[in-house]
Amino acid sequence: MSASLPVPEFDLVPPGALASRIDALDIQQVEQLIGYERNHGAREQVLDLLSRRRDQLRAAERRQS
């Protein structure tokens, strides 16, 4: 069930609308969504989007260190 995920109704969000919904998430939340998506929908476009966002967050963490 996706009720405990950081994006409400994650399974129903079209990939094109997902980018704006994950902008405010932290890296742990993005990784939670990646794990969920891999185990459930495995939508390639969604996994690519989430992976890119995780990479952006990691790069930002490195710049701050």
N, C-alpha and C. Protein backbone atom coordinates (compact mmCIF):
# COMPACT_ATOMS: atom_id res chain seq x y z
N MET A 1 0.85 -1.19 0.00
CA MET A 1 0.00 0.00 0.00
C MET A 1 0.89 1.24 0.00
N SER A 2 0.51 2.24 -0.75
CA SER A 2 1.31 3.45 -0.88
C SER A 2 0.92 4.54 0.12
N ALA A 3 0.09 4.24 1.09
CA ALA A 3 -0.38 5.25 2.04
C ALA A 3 0.75 5.84 2.88
N SER A 4 1.79 5.09 3.16
CA SER A 4 2.87 5.59 3.99
C SER A 4 4.01 6.21 3.18
N LEU A 5 3.81 6.38 1.90
CA LEU A 5 4.84 6.98 1.06
C LEU A 5 4.81 8.50 1.14
N PRO A 6 5.95 9.16 0.87
CA PRO A 6 6.00 10.62 0.97
C PRO A 6 5.23 11.37 -0.11
N VAL A 7 4.76 10.68 -1.13
CA VAL A 7 3.94 11.30 -2.18
C VAL A 7 2.56 10.64 -2.12
N PRO A 8 1.53 11.40 -1.78
CA PRO A 8 0.18 10.83 -1.73
C PRO A 8 -0.22 10.21 -3.07
N GLU A 9 -0.84 9.04 -3.00
CA GLU A 9 -1.32 8.33 -4.18
C GLU A 9 -0.23 8.18 -5.24
N PHE A 10 0.96 7.85 -4.80
CA PHE A 10 2.13 7.73 -5.67
C PHE A 10 1.86 6.86 -6.89
N ASP A 11 1.18 5.75 -6.70
CA ASP A 11 0.91 4.83 -7.81
C ASP A 11 0.07 5.46 -8.91
N LEU A 12 -0.70 6.46 -8.58
CA LEU A 12 -1.61 7.08 -9.53
C LEU A 12 -1.04 8.32 -10.21
N VAL A 13 0.10 8.78 -9.74
CA VAL A 13 0.70 10.01 -10.29
C VAL A 13 1.36 9.67 -11.63
N PRO A 14 0.95 10.35 -12.70
CA PRO A 14 1.60 10.11 -13.99
C PRO A 14 3.05 10.59 -13.95
N PRO A 15 3.94 9.91 -14.64
CA PRO A 15 5.35 10.31 -14.61
C PRO A 15 5.58 11.78 -14.93
N GLY A 16 4.81 12.35 -15.83
CA GLY A 16 4.98 13.75 -16.18
C GLY A 16 4.65 14.72 -15.06
N ALA A 17 3.86 14.30 -14.10
CA ALA A 17 3.47 15.15 -12.98
C ALA A 17 4.31 14.87 -11.73
N LEU A 18 5.16 13.90 -11.80
CA LEU A 18 5.90 13.48 -10.60
C LEU A 18 7.03 14.43 -10.22
N ALA A 19 7.69 15.02 -11.20
CA ALA A 19 8.85 15.88 -10.92
C ALA A 19 8.54 16.97 -9.91
N SER A 20 7.43 17.64 -10.08
CA SER A 20 7.09 18.72 -9.16
C SER A 20 6.74 18.20 -7.76
N ARG A 21 6.32 16.96 -7.67
CA ARG A 21 5.94 16.40 -6.38
C ARG A 21 7.12 15.86 -5.59
N ILE A 22 8.25 15.65 -6.24
CA ILE A 22 9.41 15.12 -5.51
C ILE A 22 10.46 16.19 -5.23
N ASP A 23 10.26 17.41 -5.70
CA ASP A 23 11.24 18.48 -5.50
C ASP A 23 11.56 18.74 -4.04
N ALA A 24 10.59 18.65 -3.17
CA ALA A 24 10.79 19.00 -1.76
C ALA A 24 11.22 17.80 -0.90
N LEU A 25 11.35 16.63 -1.50
CA LEU A 25 11.70 15.44 -0.72
C LEU A 25 13.19 15.39 -0.42
N ASP A 26 13.53 14.76 0.69
CA ASP A 26 14.94 14.55 1.00
C ASP A 26 15.40 13.23 0.38
N ILE A 27 16.68 12.95 0.49
CA ILE A 27 17.23 11.77 -0.19
C ILE A 27 16.64 10.46 0.33
N GLN A 28 16.36 10.39 1.63
CA GLN A 28 15.77 9.17 2.18
C GLN A 28 14.37 8.92 1.61
N GLN A 29 13.62 9.98 1.45
CA GLN A 29 12.27 9.84 0.89
C GLN A 29 12.32 9.42 -0.57
N VAL A 30 13.27 9.98 -1.31
CA VAL A 30 13.42 9.60 -2.72
C VAL A 30 13.83 8.13 -2.81
N GLU A 31 14.75 7.71 -1.95
CA GLU A 31 15.17 6.31 -1.96
C GLU A 31 14.02 5.39 -1.56
N GLN A 32 13.17 5.83 -0.66
CA GLN A 32 11.98 5.05 -0.30
C GLN A 32 11.09 4.85 -1.52
N LEU A 33 10.90 5.90 -2.29
CA LEU A 33 10.08 5.79 -3.50
C LEU A 33 10.73 4.90 -4.54
N ILE A 34 12.05 4.98 -4.67
CA ILE A 34 12.75 4.11 -5.62
C ILE A 34 12.53 2.64 -5.24
N GLY A 35 12.71 2.33 -3.97
CA GLY A 35 12.50 0.95 -3.52
C GLY A 35 11.08 0.49 -3.75
N TYR A 36 10.13 1.35 -3.45
CA TYR A 36 8.73 1.01 -3.65
C TYR A 36 8.44 0.77 -5.13
N GLU A 37 8.91 1.67 -5.97
CA GLU A 37 8.64 1.55 -7.40
C GLU A 37 9.28 0.29 -7.98
N ARG A 38 10.48 -0.02 -7.56
CA ARG A 38 11.14 -1.25 -8.05
C ARG A 38 10.33 -2.49 -7.69
N ASN A 39 9.73 -2.49 -6.52
CA ASN A 39 8.98 -3.66 -6.04
C ASN A 39 7.54 -3.70 -6.51
N HIS A 40 7.04 -2.61 -7.05
CA HIS A 40 5.63 -2.57 -7.42
C HIS A 40 5.43 -2.29 -8.90
N GLY A 41 5.47 -1.05 -9.29
CA GLY A 41 5.17 -0.71 -10.68
C GLY A 41 6.31 -0.93 -11.64
N ALA A 42 7.53 -0.69 -11.16
CA ALA A 42 8.74 -0.80 -11.99
C ALA A 42 8.61 0.00 -13.29
N ARG A 43 7.99 1.19 -13.19
CA ARG A 43 7.86 2.06 -14.36
C ARG A 43 9.23 2.68 -14.64
N GLU A 44 9.80 2.36 -15.78
CA GLU A 44 11.15 2.80 -16.12
C GLU A 44 11.29 4.32 -16.09
N GLN A 45 10.31 5.02 -16.62
CA GLN A 45 10.35 6.49 -16.64
C GLN A 45 10.36 7.06 -15.22
N VAL A 46 9.59 6.46 -14.33
CA VAL A 46 9.54 6.91 -12.93
C VAL A 46 10.87 6.61 -12.24
N LEU A 47 11.40 5.42 -12.44
CA LEU A 47 12.70 5.07 -11.83
C LEU A 47 13.80 5.99 -12.32
N ASP A 48 13.79 6.33 -13.60
CA ASP A 48 14.80 7.26 -14.13
C ASP A 48 14.68 8.63 -13.48
N LEU A 49 13.47 9.13 -13.37
CA LEU A 49 13.23 10.43 -12.75
C LEU A 49 13.69 10.44 -11.29
N LEU A 50 13.32 9.41 -10.55
CA LEU A 50 13.71 9.32 -9.14
C LEU A 50 15.22 9.19 -8.99
N SER A 51 15.84 8.43 -9.84
CA SER A 51 17.30 8.27 -9.79
C SER A 51 18.02 9.58 -10.08
N ARG A 52 17.52 10.33 -11.05
CA ARG A 52 18.11 11.64 -11.35
C ARG A 52 17.97 12.58 -10.16
N ARG A 53 16.81 12.56 -9.51
CA ARG A 53 16.60 13.43 -8.35
C ARG A 53 17.53 13.03 -7.21
N ARG A 54 17.70 11.72 -6.99
CA ARG A 54 18.61 11.25 -5.95
C ARG A 54 20.03 11.72 -6.26
N ASP A 55 20.45 11.65 -7.52
CA ASP A 55 21.78 12.10 -7.91
C ASP A 55 21.95 13.60 -7.65
N GLN A 56 20.91 14.39 -7.92
CA GLN A 56 20.96 15.83 -7.65
C GLN A 56 21.14 16.09 -6.16
N LEU A 57 20.40 15.36 -5.35
CA LEU A 57 20.49 15.55 -3.90
C LEU A 57 21.87 15.15 -3.38
N ARG A 58 22.41 14.06 -3.90
CA ARG A 58 23.76 13.63 -3.48
C ARG A 58 24.80 14.67 -3.88
N ALA A 59 24.67 15.22 -5.06
CA ALA A 59 25.62 16.25 -5.53
C ALA A 59 25.53 17.49 -4.64
N ALA A 60 24.33 17.86 -4.25
CA ALA A 60 24.14 19.02 -3.36
C ALA A 60 24.76 18.75 -2.00
N GLU A 61 24.64 17.53 -1.51
CA GLU A 61 25.25 17.18 -0.22
C GLU A 61 26.78 17.29 -0.30
N ARG A 62 27.34 16.83 -1.41
CA ARG A 62 28.80 16.90 -1.59
C ARG A 62 29.28 18.33 -1.64
N ARG A 63 28.52 19.21 -2.30
CA ARG A 63 28.90 20.62 -2.39
C ARG A 63 28.87 21.29 -1.02
N GLN A 64 27.97 20.83 -0.16
CA GLN A 64 27.84 21.44 1.16
C GLN A 64 28.91 20.94 2.13
N SER A 65 29.52 19.82 1.82
CA SER A 65 30.54 19.24 2.71
C SER A 65 31.88 19.93 2.57
